[in-house]
Amino acid sequence: MIYRYVLGGVSLAGVVGAAGFFGWQSLELDFLKFKSAPKPVIIQRYAQHSLWIDCEKRIAIMFAALVGADHGNAPREDEFTLDPSVDKRCQQRSTLSYGTPYDRGHLFAANHADSDPVAIHQSNYMTNIMPQHRNLNRGAMKRTEFITECLRDMGDVWIVGGIFKNETPIDSLILHGIEVPAHIWKVIHSPSLNKTWAYIFPNDSRATWGDADTYLTSLDEIDKRWGGAIQYPFYIKSRSEVMKESYPVTKSCNIS
């Protein structure tokens, strides 16, 4: 199902997670708070995640998912495809590799959908892919995916993230018809622990696995750079808190 909004208060409703939860009636983004009002945004709901796609930029500006307990180990697909249910004018022009130094990086990771072959397939739609520096994709971002897998062992996990729409891009990929975002932000929330980790990663060589903690930040800082307060669908103890370190990835975590 596709929802289309042009301007004004946008309700981020109907996020579907692995636990089958329909939520986010309370989560709203006021796009008028941007310094310049955006062009039409498509809210695209998938089996286990949702995307907010900027048709003018041909790229997702936000993703969200409620990731349930890890009960499967279905293989990831190798092929990247366009989403047949989304207007091609809102998608990247090519599914080919971006070329050095950028990987085709997932927003919603295929591993989070490992109990659902449909969700795994949808995670490889180009709507869920954006150029991520290889150090980020295989380093700091990979670490957040492993953290999510560890937290899933205790229960559901919320993940929300995206780019800063008004930020100056660092590159352009003519073949794909998109710009390369300078930063990618991500929020991980564990209801079981009642803890929230927020990150703003530079989309460059600095964002390695070992340096992920360097980019821990506050929800307030994400709001500031986003252009307005994001009302998340979970209890937040403090929007100004910055976690001192990431949740540990240990050998006991089920990351398969």
Protein backbone atom coordinates (compact mmCIF):
# COMPACT_ATOMS: atom_id res chain seq x y z
CA MET A 1 0.00 0.00 0.00
CA ILE A 2 1.28 3.46 -0.89
CA TYR A 3 0.49 6.70 0.87
CA ARG A 4 1.18 10.02 -0.85
CA TYR A 5 1.64 13.34 0.90
CA VAL A 6 2.68 16.66 -0.53
CA LEU A 7 2.97 19.21 2.25
CA GLY A 8 1.90 19.77 5.81
CA GLY A 9 1.81 17.49 8.82
CA VAL A 10 2.65 13.97 7.77
CA SER A 11 1.51 11.07 9.91
CA LEU A 12 3.95 8.19 9.86
CA ALA A 13 1.29 5.54 10.37
CA GLY A 14 1.18 1.86 9.62
CA VAL A 15 4.71 0.68 10.22
CA VAL A 16 4.66 -3.10 10.15
CA GLY A 17 7.35 -4.99 12.03
CA ALA A 18 8.22 -8.63 12.25
CA ALA A 19 5.98 -8.84 15.29
CA GLY A 20 3.02 -7.80 13.14
CA PHE A 21 2.59 -4.48 14.93
CA PHE A 22 0.67 -1.67 13.25
CA GLY A 23 1.74 1.48 14.98
CA TRP A 24 3.01 5.00 14.70
CA GLN A 25 -0.33 6.74 14.65
CA SER A 26 1.33 9.17 17.06
CA LEU A 27 4.56 9.63 15.10
CA GLU A 28 4.38 12.74 12.96
CA LEU A 29 6.79 14.76 10.91
CA ASP A 30 5.96 18.31 10.01
CA PHE A 31 7.72 18.77 6.67
CA LEU A 32 6.89 22.48 6.76
CA LYS A 33 9.57 22.78 9.43
CA PHE A 34 12.20 22.26 6.77
CA LYS A 35 13.87 25.44 5.65
CA SER A 36 12.53 24.76 2.19
CA ALA A 37 9.35 22.74 1.74
CA PRO A 38 9.99 19.37 0.10
CA LYS A 39 8.44 17.94 -3.02
CA PRO A 40 6.00 15.00 -2.77
CA VAL A 41 7.00 12.17 -0.46
CA ILE A 42 5.78 8.59 -0.84
CA ILE A 43 5.34 6.45 2.25
CA GLN A 44 5.86 2.87 1.12
CA ARG A 45 4.98 0.01 3.45
CA TYR A 46 6.70 -3.35 3.08
CA ALA A 47 6.35 -6.65 4.92
CA GLN A 48 8.72 -5.66 7.72
CA HIS A 49 9.79 -2.07 7.14
CA SER A 50 8.55 1.26 5.80
CA LEU A 51 10.25 3.93 3.72
CA TRP A 52 9.66 7.64 3.17
CA ILE A 53 10.80 8.26 -0.42
CA ASP A 54 11.55 11.69 -1.86
CA CYS A 55 10.44 11.38 -5.48
CA GLU A 56 12.38 14.43 -6.58
CA LYS A 57 15.62 13.05 -5.12
CA ARG A 58 14.76 9.43 -6.05
CA ILE A 59 15.95 8.31 -2.61
CA ALA A 60 14.50 7.40 0.78
CA ILE A 61 14.83 10.13 3.39
CA MET A 62 13.72 7.88 6.24
CA PHE A 63 13.11 4.23 7.12
CA ALA A 64 11.57 2.50 10.11
CA ALA A 65 10.91 -1.00 11.36
CA LEU A 66 9.88 -2.93 14.42
CA VAL A 67 12.19 -5.94 14.34
CA GLY A 68 10.90 -9.00 16.18
CA ALA A 69 12.64 -11.91 17.82
CA ASP A 70 15.10 -13.82 15.65
CA HIS A 71 13.46 -17.08 14.58
CA GLY A 72 15.00 -17.76 11.18
CA ASN A 73 18.08 -17.87 9.02
CA ALA A 74 16.84 -17.53 5.44
CA PRO A 75 19.60 -16.63 2.94
CA ARG A 76 20.07 -13.11 1.64
CA GLU A 77 19.50 -12.50 -2.07
CA ASP A 78 22.30 -11.22 -4.30
CA GLU A 79 20.20 -9.43 -6.93
CA PHE A 80 19.09 -5.82 -6.55
CA THR A 81 15.87 -4.77 -8.32
CA LEU A 82 13.53 -1.83 -8.66
CA ASP A 83 10.30 -1.94 -6.66
CA PRO A 84 7.56 -2.80 -9.19
CA SER A 85 4.92 -1.07 -7.07
CA VAL A 86 6.66 2.33 -6.96
CA ASP A 87 6.64 4.82 -9.82
CA LYS A 88 9.98 4.63 -11.63
CA ARG A 89 10.22 8.42 -11.47
CA CYS A 90 10.60 8.02 -7.70
CA GLN A 91 13.35 5.43 -7.93
CA GLN A 92 17.00 5.25 -8.89
CA ARG A 93 17.57 4.88 -12.60
CA SER A 94 19.86 1.87 -12.28
CA THR A 95 20.34 -1.21 -10.11
CA LEU A 96 24.03 -1.51 -11.01
CA SER A 97 26.89 -1.09 -8.56
CA TYR A 98 27.70 2.50 -7.59
CA GLY A 99 31.42 2.00 -8.05
CA THR A 100 34.29 2.80 -5.71
CA PRO A 101 34.14 3.92 -2.94
CA TYR A 102 30.39 3.37 -2.50
CA ASP A 103 28.52 0.16 -1.72
CA ARG A 104 24.85 -0.47 -2.34
CA GLY A 105 24.07 -0.08 1.36
CA HIS A 106 20.81 -1.20 2.96
CA LEU A 107 18.71 1.00 5.20
CA PHE A 108 16.67 -1.94 6.53
CA ALA A 109 19.14 -4.83 6.65
CA ALA A 110 18.22 -8.12 5.01
CA ASN A 111 19.43 -9.99 8.10
CA HIS A 112 16.67 -8.39 10.20
CA ALA A 113 14.10 -10.11 7.96
CA ASP A 114 15.67 -13.54 8.10
CA SER A 115 12.43 -15.34 8.96
CA ASP A 116 10.53 -13.97 5.94
CA PRO A 117 11.67 -14.59 2.33
CA VAL A 118 9.29 -11.87 1.06
CA ALA A 119 10.78 -9.28 3.41
CA ILE A 120 14.29 -10.34 2.43
CA HIS A 121 13.43 -9.87 -1.24
CA GLN A 122 11.92 -6.45 -0.55
CA SER A 123 15.03 -5.37 1.36
CA ASN A 124 16.95 -5.59 -1.93
CA TYR A 125 14.66 -3.16 -3.74
CA MET A 126 16.65 -0.09 -4.72
CA THR A 127 14.19 2.01 -2.73
CA ASN A 128 15.86 0.54 0.38
CA ILE A 129 19.38 1.09 -0.98
CA MET A 130 21.57 4.17 -0.94
CA PRO A 131 25.25 4.85 -1.63
CA GLN A 132 27.22 4.16 1.53
CA HIS A 133 30.97 4.49 1.69
CA ARG A 134 32.38 0.97 1.94
CA ASN A 135 33.89 1.74 5.36
CA LEU A 136 30.49 2.83 6.65
CA ASN A 137 28.54 -0.02 5.07
CA ARG A 138 30.97 -2.70 6.18
CA GLY A 139 32.01 -0.95 9.39
CA ALA A 140 29.92 1.32 11.61
CA MET A 141 26.60 0.54 9.90
CA LYS A 142 27.32 -3.18 9.99
CA ARG A 143 28.00 -2.84 13.70
CA THR A 144 24.57 -1.26 14.29
CA GLU A 145 23.00 -4.17 12.41
CA PHE A 146 24.82 -6.65 14.65
CA ILE A 147 23.73 -4.64 17.71
CA THR A 148 20.13 -4.91 16.54
CA GLU A 149 20.56 -8.67 16.13
CA CYS A 150 21.93 -8.93 19.68
CA LEU A 151 19.04 -6.90 21.11
CA ARG A 152 16.53 -9.07 19.22
CA ASP A 153 17.55 -11.96 21.46
CA MET A 154 15.71 -10.14 24.28
CA GLY A 155 12.64 -9.00 22.35
CA ASP A 156 11.39 -6.49 19.79
CA VAL A 157 13.68 -3.68 18.65
CA TRP A 158 12.73 -0.39 16.99
CA ILE A 159 15.07 0.96 14.32
CA VAL A 160 14.58 4.33 12.64
CA GLY A 161 16.98 6.22 10.41
CA GLY A 162 17.58 8.25 7.31
CA ILE A 163 19.35 11.24 5.86
CA PHE A 164 19.16 15.00 6.39
CA LYS A 165 17.19 16.34 3.45
CA ASN A 166 18.53 19.89 3.57
CA GLU A 167 22.16 18.86 3.91
CA THR A 168 24.53 19.45 1.01
CA PRO A 169 25.34 16.13 -0.72
CA ILE A 170 28.95 15.05 -1.12
CA ASP A 171 28.68 13.53 -4.60
CA SER A 172 26.35 12.83 -7.52
CA LEU A 173 25.83 9.51 -9.27
CA ILE A 174 24.62 10.37 -12.76
CA LEU A 175 23.91 6.77 -13.80
CA HIS A 176 21.55 6.29 -10.87
CA GLY A 177 20.17 9.83 -10.88
CA ILE A 178 20.81 10.41 -7.19
CA GLU A 179 23.03 12.39 -4.85
CA VAL A 180 25.25 10.89 -2.17
CA PRO A 181 24.18 11.96 1.34
CA ALA A 182 26.88 13.41 3.56
CA HIS A 183 25.53 11.72 6.69
CA ILE A 184 23.21 8.87 7.61
CA TRP A 185 21.50 8.81 11.02
CA LYS A 186 20.13 5.83 12.90
CA VAL A 187 18.25 5.25 16.13
CA ILE A 188 18.02 1.86 17.86
CA HIS A 189 15.58 1.39 20.75
CA SER A 190 15.23 -1.68 22.95
CA PRO A 191 11.93 -1.72 24.88
CA SER A 192 13.29 -4.62 26.95
CA LEU A 193 16.15 -2.47 28.25
CA ASN A 194 14.33 0.86 27.83
CA LYS A 195 17.48 2.23 26.22
CA THR A 196 18.01 4.21 23.03
CA TRP A 197 21.17 4.56 20.96
CA ALA A 198 21.36 7.36 18.40
CA TYR A 199 24.05 7.80 15.76
CA ILE A 200 24.97 10.28 13.03
CA PHE A 201 27.54 8.69 10.73
CA PRO A 202 29.62 10.54 8.14
CA ASN A 203 29.29 8.83 4.79
CA ASP A 204 33.03 8.49 4.33
CA SER A 205 36.10 6.49 5.31
CA ARG A 206 35.99 7.57 8.96
CA ALA A 207 32.90 5.50 9.82
CA THR A 208 34.63 2.23 10.69
CA TRP A 209 33.42 -0.53 13.01
CA GLY A 210 35.85 0.49 15.74
CA ASP A 211 34.93 4.17 15.58
CA ALA A 212 31.14 3.73 15.73
CA ASP A 213 30.96 5.03 19.32
CA THR A 214 32.53 8.29 18.15
CA TYR A 215 29.28 9.06 16.35
CA LEU A 216 26.86 8.43 19.20
CA THR A 217 24.65 11.48 19.58
CA SER A 218 21.35 12.66 21.06
CA LEU A 219 17.85 12.63 19.63
CA ASP A 220 17.89 16.40 20.08
CA GLU A 221 20.83 16.68 17.69
CA ILE A 222 19.05 14.53 15.10
CA ASP A 223 15.94 16.73 15.46
CA LYS A 224 18.05 19.85 14.99
CA ARG A 225 19.60 18.60 11.79
CA TRP A 226 16.36 17.02 10.56
CA GLY A 227 14.46 20.28 10.89
CA GLY A 228 11.89 19.43 13.59
CA ALA A 229 11.13 17.10 16.47
CA ILE A 230 10.53 13.47 15.51
CA GLN A 231 7.95 11.85 17.78
CA TYR A 232 9.07 8.26 18.08
CA PRO A 233 6.66 5.38 18.78
CA PHE A 234 8.39 4.41 22.00
CA TYR A 235 9.02 5.91 25.41
CA ILE A 236 12.05 8.20 25.54
CA LYS A 237 13.68 8.92 28.88
CA SER A 238 15.71 11.84 27.57
CA ARG A 239 16.09 13.43 24.15
CA SER A 240 19.33 15.09 25.24
CA GLU A 241 21.06 11.95 26.53
CA VAL A 242 24.07 10.64 24.62
CA MET A 243 24.88 7.00 25.35
CA LYS A 244 28.50 6.54 26.39
CA GLU A 245 28.98 3.39 24.33
CA SER A 246 27.20 1.08 21.93
CA TYR A 247 25.50 -2.10 23.08
CA PRO A 248 28.14 -4.85 23.04
CA VAL A 249 28.29 -7.41 20.26
CA THR A 250 29.37 -10.67 21.89
CA LYS A 251 29.82 -14.28 20.82
CA SER A 252 26.51 -15.14 22.48
CA CYS A 253 24.55 -12.91 20.09
CA ASN A 254 22.56 -14.68 17.39
CA ILE A 255 23.72 -12.69 14.38
CA SER A 256 22.93 -15.31 11.75
